Amino acid sequence: MPSIADLAAEAAGCTRCELYRCGTQTVFGDGPDDADVVLVGEQPGDKEDLAGEPFVGPAGRVLDEALAEAGIDRERAYVTNAVKHFRWEAKGKARIHKKPGRTHVNACRPWLDAELEVLQPALVVCLGATAAQALLGPSFKVTKERGRILRDTGHGPAVVATVHPSSILRGPPEDRRKNMAAFVADLRVAAEALR
């Protein structure tokens, strides 16, 4: 069986969809090979695309804060995305996030499956609708199922779905404290499942 490093090296040359042409590089997952929990987001953002690492930008800082508050050791978690290249559109000199399409998710699905097969985590946390629908099907609704432990998903480990940390940053400033508390509450469900 390949290691995560083997998969990352192979994915670096991925051309399964057109996104390899616009991303700076493939952004593969990061974390220990024996992680108990895998956190899956949507796609790398601008900062992640430039750094080549997942969750190192503003959403990553929100995630780190929420994980610490929920009692999940970030150093023991593996973080990745459903889509491994940054899909964006130009607005002046800025590269603005553009939601990946189903074809992009499907093209990257073998990478996500391979990561989960190698890691064999006890739990997967889906961060946002794209990640949840990549693993649980296109009809899955995070708004209805968030913060619940879902077993027998057909993908091995149990799954907890919640919002993407970027949604807290994009939401109204007056709602951030409440939205962060709800996010942390979802992650506490995951922390309890890992105990």
C-alpha atoms as a PDB file:
ATOM      1  CA  MET A   1       0.000   0.000   0.000  1.00  0.00           C
ATOM      2  CA  PRO A   2       1.366   3.462  -0.829  1.00  0.00           C
ATOM      3  CA  SER A   3       2.122   6.004   1.888  1.00  0.00           C
ATOM      4  CA  ILE A   4       0.625   9.491   2.087  1.00  0.00           C
ATOM      5  CA  ALA A   5       3.963  10.817   0.783  1.00  0.00           C
ATOM      6  CA  ASP A   6       3.701   8.448  -2.210  1.00  0.00           C
ATOM      7  CA  LEU A   7       0.157   9.646  -2.946  1.00  0.00           C
ATOM      8  CA  ALA A   8       1.157  13.305  -2.625  1.00  0.00           C
ATOM      9  CA  ALA A   9       4.043  12.790  -5.052  1.00  0.00           C
ATOM     10  CA  GLU A  10       1.747  11.087  -7.552  1.00  0.00           C
ATOM     11  CA  ALA A  11      -0.969  13.752  -7.165  1.00  0.00           C
ATOM     12  CA  ALA A  12       1.553  16.522  -7.842  1.00  0.00           C
ATOM     13  CA  GLY A  13       1.291  15.686 -11.543  1.00  0.00           C
ATOM     14  CA  CYS A  14      -2.483  15.225 -11.604  1.00  0.00           C
ATOM     15  CA  THR A  15      -4.259  16.304 -14.798  1.00  0.00           C
ATOM     16  CA  ARG A  16      -7.642  14.584 -14.207  1.00  0.00           C
ATOM     17  CA  CYS A  17      -9.492  17.888 -14.700  1.00  0.00           C
ATOM     18  CA  GLU A  18      -8.662  21.325 -16.097  1.00  0.00           C
ATOM     19  CA  LEU A  19      -7.979  22.876 -12.680  1.00  0.00           C
ATOM     20  CA  TYR A  20      -4.320  21.854 -12.841  1.00  0.00           C
ATOM     21  CA  ARG A  21      -3.921  24.614 -15.451  1.00  0.00           C
ATOM     22  CA  CYS A  22      -5.023  27.443 -13.155  1.00  0.00           C
ATOM     23  CA  GLY A  23      -3.761  26.293  -9.755  1.00  0.00           C
ATOM     24  CA  THR A  24      -0.178  26.978  -8.782  1.00  0.00           C
ATOM     25  CA  GLN A  25       0.203  23.411  -7.563  1.00  0.00           C
ATOM     26  CA  THR A  26      -1.647  20.391  -6.256  1.00  0.00           C
ATOM     27  CA  VAL A  27      -2.427  20.926  -2.560  1.00  0.00           C
ATOM     28  CA  PHE A  28      -2.497  17.496  -0.983  1.00  0.00           C
ATOM     29  CA  GLY A  29      -3.442  16.665   2.591  1.00  0.00           C
ATOM     30  CA  ASP A  30      -1.183  17.178   5.580  1.00  0.00           C
ATOM     31  CA  GLY A  31      -0.874  15.520   8.948  1.00  0.00           C
ATOM     32  CA  PRO A  32       0.362  12.376  10.651  1.00  0.00           C
ATOM     33  CA  ASP A  33       0.061   9.007   8.931  1.00  0.00           C
ATOM     34  CA  ASP A  34      -1.603   7.622  12.070  1.00  0.00           C
ATOM     35  CA  ALA A  35      -4.186  10.408  12.481  1.00  0.00           C
ATOM     36  CA  ASP A  36      -7.399   9.364  14.215  1.00  0.00           C
ATOM     37  CA  VAL A  37      -9.404  12.117  12.546  1.00  0.00           C
ATOM     38  CA  VAL A  38      -9.393  13.423   8.970  1.00  0.00           C
ATOM     39  CA  LEU A  39     -10.820  16.889   8.362  1.00  0.00           C
ATOM     40  CA  VAL A  40     -11.994  17.369   4.767  1.00  0.00           C
ATOM     41  CA  GLY A  41     -12.640  20.822   3.319  1.00  0.00           C
ATOM     42  CA  GLU A  42     -13.747  21.995  -0.104  1.00  0.00           C
ATOM     43  CA  GLN A  43     -10.620  23.106  -1.982  1.00  0.00           C
ATOM     44  CA  PRO A  44      -7.444  25.056  -1.291  1.00  0.00           C
ATOM     45  CA  GLY A  45      -7.788  28.810  -1.184  1.00  0.00           C
ATOM     46  CA  ASP A  46      -5.370  31.421  -2.523  1.00  0.00           C
ATOM     47  CA  LYS A  47      -2.967  31.190   0.438  1.00  0.00           C
ATOM     48  CA  GLU A  48      -3.055  27.392   0.395  1.00  0.00           C
ATOM     49  CA  ASP A  49      -2.448  27.288  -3.364  1.00  0.00           C
ATOM     50  CA  LEU A  50       0.617  29.487  -3.005  1.00  0.00           C
ATOM     51  CA  ALA A  51       1.966  27.651   0.075  1.00  0.00           C
ATOM     52  CA  GLY A  52       1.138  24.146  -1.129  1.00  0.00           C
ATOM     53  CA  GLU A  53      -0.445  23.271   2.234  1.00  0.00           C
ATOM     54  CA  PRO A  54      -4.108  22.958   3.265  1.00  0.00           C
ATOM     55  CA  PHE A  55      -5.768  25.284   5.781  1.00  0.00           C
ATOM     56  CA  VAL A  56      -2.940  27.799   6.253  1.00  0.00           C
ATOM     57  CA  GLY A  57      -4.991  30.910   5.390  1.00  0.00           C
ATOM     58  CA  PRO A  58      -7.727  32.773   7.286  1.00  0.00           C
ATOM     59  CA  ALA A  59     -10.128  29.771   7.324  1.00  0.00           C
ATOM     60  CA  GLY A  60      -7.275  27.651   8.670  1.00  0.00           C
ATOM     61  CA  ARG A  61      -6.818  30.032  11.590  1.00  0.00           C
ATOM     62  CA  VAL A  62     -10.542  29.792  12.392  1.00  0.00           C
ATOM     63  CA  LEU A  63     -10.300  26.001  12.169  1.00  0.00           C
ATOM     64  CA  ASP A  64      -7.253  25.899  14.469  1.00  0.00           C
ATOM     65  CA  GLU A  65      -9.024  28.054  17.065  1.00  0.00           C
ATOM     66  CA  ALA A  66     -12.196  25.939  16.924  1.00  0.00           C
ATOM     67  CA  LEU A  67     -10.268  22.647  17.157  1.00  0.00           C
ATOM     68  CA  ALA A  68      -8.393  23.884  20.225  1.00  0.00           C
ATOM     69  CA  GLU A  69     -11.627  25.003  21.878  1.00  0.00           C
ATOM     70  CA  ALA A  70     -13.316  21.670  21.055  1.00  0.00           C
ATOM     71  CA  GLY A  71     -10.412  19.636  22.443  1.00  0.00           C
ATOM     72  CA  ILE A  72      -9.065  18.176  19.181  1.00  0.00           C
ATOM     73  CA  ASP A  73      -5.279  18.270  18.864  1.00  0.00           C
ATOM     74  CA  ARG A  74      -4.545  19.837  15.459  1.00  0.00           C
ATOM     75  CA  GLU A  75      -1.155  18.126  15.429  1.00  0.00           C
ATOM     76  CA  ARG A  76      -2.937  14.738  15.578  1.00  0.00           C
ATOM     77  CA  ALA A  77      -5.397  15.572  12.795  1.00  0.00           C
ATOM     78  CA  TYR A  78      -4.948  15.109   9.057  1.00  0.00           C
ATOM     79  CA  VAL A  79      -6.378  17.953   6.969  1.00  0.00           C
ATOM     80  CA  THR A  80      -7.209  17.733   3.290  1.00  0.00           C
ATOM     81  CA  ASN A  81      -9.727  18.895   0.696  1.00  0.00           C
ATOM     82  CA  ALA A  82     -12.214  17.196  -1.596  1.00  0.00           C
ATOM     83  CA  VAL A  83     -10.636  19.083  -4.535  1.00  0.00           C
ATOM     84  CA  LYS A  84      -6.848  19.397  -4.666  1.00  0.00           C
ATOM     85  CA  HIS A  85      -6.450  22.446  -6.950  1.00  0.00           C
ATOM     86  CA  PHE A  86      -7.606  26.034  -6.398  1.00  0.00           C
ATOM     87  CA  ARG A  87     -10.485  27.072  -8.653  1.00  0.00           C
ATOM     88  CA  TRP A  88     -10.596  30.840  -8.933  1.00  0.00           C
ATOM     89  CA  GLU A  89     -11.533  33.801 -11.086  1.00  0.00           C
ATOM     90  CA  ALA A  90      -9.651  37.062 -11.494  1.00  0.00           C
ATOM     91  CA  LYS A  91     -11.017  40.257  -9.943  1.00  0.00           C
ATOM     92  CA  GLY A  92      -8.421  42.871 -10.743  1.00  0.00           C
ATOM     93  CA  LYS A  93      -5.166  41.438  -9.402  1.00  0.00           C
ATOM     94  CA  ALA A  94      -6.916  39.229  -6.833  1.00  0.00           C
ATOM     95  CA  ARG A  95      -7.713  35.558  -7.301  1.00  0.00           C
ATOM     96  CA  ILE A  96     -11.226  35.025  -5.948  1.00  0.00           C
ATOM     97  CA  HIS A  97     -12.501  31.615  -4.861  1.00  0.00           C
ATOM     98  CA  LYS A  98     -14.903  29.939  -7.274  1.00  0.00           C
ATOM     99  CA  LYS A  99     -16.825  26.908  -6.038  1.00  0.00           C
ATOM    100  CA  PRO A 100     -15.595  23.682  -7.620  1.00  0.00           C
ATOM    101  CA  GLY A 101     -18.062  21.802  -9.779  1.00  0.00           C
ATOM    102  CA  ARG A 102     -19.184  18.204  -9.463  1.00  0.00           C
ATOM    103  CA  THR A 103     -16.756  17.195 -12.231  1.00  0.00           C
ATOM    104  CA  HIS A 104     -13.853  18.581 -10.160  1.00  0.00           C
ATOM    105  CA  VAL A 105     -15.026  16.734  -7.045  1.00  0.00           C
ATOM    106  CA  ASN A 106     -15.403  13.512  -9.031  1.00  0.00           C
ATOM    107  CA  ALA A 107     -11.969  13.916 -10.644  1.00  0.00           C
ATOM    108  CA  CYS A 108     -10.352  14.286  -7.209  1.00  0.00           C
ATOM    109  CA  ARG A 109     -12.406  11.588  -5.496  1.00  0.00           C
ATOM    110  CA  PRO A 110      -9.792   8.855  -6.084  1.00  0.00           C
ATOM    111  CA  TRP A 111      -7.237  10.964  -4.176  1.00  0.00           C
ATOM    112  CA  LEU A 112      -9.575  11.427  -1.216  1.00  0.00           C
ATOM    113  CA  ASP A 113     -10.471   7.730  -1.231  1.00  0.00           C
ATOM    114  CA  ALA A 114      -6.775   6.819  -1.324  1.00  0.00           C
ATOM    115  CA  GLU A 115      -6.001   9.149   1.609  1.00  0.00           C
ATOM    116  CA  LEU A 116      -8.761   7.561   3.689  1.00  0.00           C
ATOM    117  CA  GLU A 117      -7.661   4.056   2.718  1.00  0.00           C
ATOM    118  CA  VAL A 118      -4.067   4.714   3.797  1.00  0.00           C
ATOM    119  CA  LEU A 119      -4.955   6.593   6.989  1.00  0.00           C
ATOM    120  CA  GLN A 120      -7.824   4.375   8.190  1.00  0.00           C
ATOM    121  CA  PRO A 121      -9.081   7.113  10.555  1.00  0.00           C
ATOM    122  CA  ALA A 122     -11.611   6.517  13.308  1.00  0.00           C
ATOM    123  CA  LEU A 123     -13.581   9.586  12.180  1.00  0.00           C
ATOM    124  CA  VAL A 124     -13.947  11.958   9.234  1.00  0.00           C
ATOM    125  CA  VAL A 125     -15.143  15.529   9.741  1.00  0.00           C
ATOM    126  CA  CYS A 126     -16.612  17.092   6.600  1.00  0.00           C
ATOM    127  CA  LEU A 127     -16.161  20.860   6.596  1.00  0.00           C
ATOM    128  CA  GLY A 128     -18.921  22.274   4.414  1.00  0.00           C
ATOM    129  CA  ALA A 129     -21.327  21.027   1.774  1.00  0.00           C
ATOM    130  CA  THR A 130     -18.771  20.235  -0.941  1.00  0.00           C
ATOM    131  CA  ALA A 131     -16.813  17.900   1.351  1.00  0.00           C
ATOM    132  CA  ALA A 132     -19.948  16.307   2.795  1.00  0.00           C
ATOM    133  CA  GLN A 133     -21.512  15.749  -0.607  1.00  0.00           C
ATOM    134  CA  ALA A 134     -18.242  14.345  -1.959  1.00  0.00           C
ATOM    135  CA  LEU A 135     -18.368  11.586   0.662  1.00  0.00           C
ATOM    136  CA  LEU A 136     -22.084  11.257   1.436  1.00  0.00           C
ATOM    137  CA  GLY A 137     -23.741  12.009  -1.895  1.00  0.00           C
ATOM    138  CA  PRO A 138     -25.038  15.108  -3.696  1.00  0.00           C
ATOM    139  CA  SER A 139     -28.352  15.179  -1.816  1.00  0.00           C
ATOM    140  CA  PHE A 140     -26.690  15.457   1.622  1.00  0.00           C
ATOM    141  CA  LYS A 141     -27.655  18.647   3.490  1.00  0.00           C
ATOM    142  CA  VAL A 142     -25.204  19.925   6.096  1.00  0.00           C
ATOM    143  CA  THR A 143     -27.870  22.261   7.483  1.00  0.00           C
ATOM    144  CA  LYS A 144     -30.052  19.269   8.408  1.00  0.00           C
ATOM    145  CA  GLU A 145     -27.376  16.809   9.540  1.00  0.00           C
ATOM    146  CA  ARG A 146     -24.618  18.922  11.064  1.00  0.00           C
ATOM    147  CA  GLY A 147     -23.103  17.923  14.365  1.00  0.00           C
ATOM    148  CA  ARG A 148     -24.362  14.319  14.293  1.00  0.00           C
ATOM    149  CA  ILE A 149     -22.272  11.173  14.195  1.00  0.00           C
ATOM    150  CA  LEU A 150     -23.173   9.328  11.005  1.00  0.00           C
ATOM    151  CA  ARG A 151     -22.242   5.659  10.966  1.00  0.00           C
ATOM    152  CA  ASP A 152     -22.690   3.092   8.200  1.00  0.00           C
ATOM    153  CA  THR A 153     -22.043   5.662   5.484  1.00  0.00           C
ATOM    154  CA  GLY A 154     -20.499   3.084   3.197  1.00  0.00           C
ATOM    155  CA  HIS A 155     -17.084   4.750   3.484  1.00  0.00           C
ATOM    156  CA  GLY A 156     -15.624   3.026   6.521  1.00  0.00           C
ATOM    157  CA  PRO A 157     -15.185   5.518   9.322  1.00  0.00           C
ATOM    158  CA  ALA A 158     -17.954   7.432  11.049  1.00  0.00           C
ATOM    159  CA  VAL A 159     -18.566  10.946   9.721  1.00  0.00           C
ATOM    160  CA  VAL A 160     -19.515  14.246  11.334  1.00  0.00           C
ATOM    161  CA  ALA A 161     -20.533  17.083   9.005  1.00  0.00           C
ATOM    162  CA  THR A 162     -20.349  20.750   9.891  1.00  0.00           C
ATOM    163  CA  VAL A 163     -19.900  24.103   8.172  1.00  0.00           C
ATOM    164  CA  HIS A 164     -16.691  25.200   6.499  1.00  0.00           C
ATOM    165  CA  PRO A 165     -14.718  27.619   8.715  1.00  0.00           C
ATOM    166  CA  SER A 166     -14.706  30.181   5.889  1.00  0.00           C
ATOM    167  CA  SER A 167     -18.488  30.531   6.319  1.00  0.00           C
ATOM    168  CA  ILE A 168     -17.840  32.090   9.727  1.00  0.00           C
ATOM    169  CA  LEU A 169     -15.579  34.688   8.121  1.00  0.00           C
ATOM    170  CA  ARG A 170     -18.053  35.409   5.303  1.00  0.00           C
ATOM    171  CA  GLY A 171     -21.069  35.727   7.600  1.00  0.00           C
ATOM    172  CA  PRO A 172     -22.258  38.972   9.184  1.00  0.00           C
ATOM    173  CA  PRO A 173     -19.770  40.205  11.816  1.00  0.00           C
ATOM    174  CA  GLU A 174     -22.535  40.389  14.432  1.00  0.00           C
ATOM    175  CA  ASP A 175     -23.194  36.637  13.980  1.00  0.00           C
ATOM    176  CA  ARG A 176     -19.584  35.457  14.174  1.00  0.00           C
ATOM    177  CA  ARG A 177     -19.560  34.636  17.881  1.00  0.00           C
ATOM    178  CA  LYS A 178     -22.778  32.607  17.600  1.00  0.00           C
ATOM    179  CA  ASN A 179     -21.639  30.856  14.403  1.00  0.00           C
ATOM    180  CA  MET A 180     -18.243  30.047  15.913  1.00  0.00           C
ATOM    181  CA  ALA A 181     -19.912  28.589  19.013  1.00  0.00           C
ATOM    182  CA  ALA A 182     -22.094  26.353  16.824  1.00  0.00           C
ATOM    183  CA  PHE A 183     -19.016  25.254  14.841  1.00  0.00           C
ATOM    184  CA  VAL A 184     -17.141  24.424  18.048  1.00  0.00           C
ATOM    185  CA  ALA A 185     -20.187  22.495  19.332  1.00  0.00           C
ATOM    186  CA  ASP A 186     -20.119  20.348  16.169  1.00  0.00           C
ATOM    187  CA  LEU A 187     -16.397  19.711  16.632  1.00  0.00           C
ATOM    188  CA  ARG A 188     -17.001  18.744  20.270  1.00  0.00           C
ATOM    189  CA  VAL A 189     -19.285  15.965  18.984  1.00  0.00           C
ATOM    190  CA  ALA A 190     -16.326  14.775  16.906  1.00  0.00           C
ATOM    191  CA  ALA A 191     -13.986  15.073  19.926  1.00  0.00           C
ATOM    192  CA  GLU A 192     -16.356  12.959  22.027  1.00  0.00           C
ATOM    193  CA  ALA A 193     -16.557  10.321  19.291  1.00  0.00           C
ATOM    194  CA  LEU A 194     -12.754  10.104  19.292  1.00  0.00           C
ATOM    195  CA  ARG A 195     -12.537   9.441  23.057  1.00  0.00           C
END
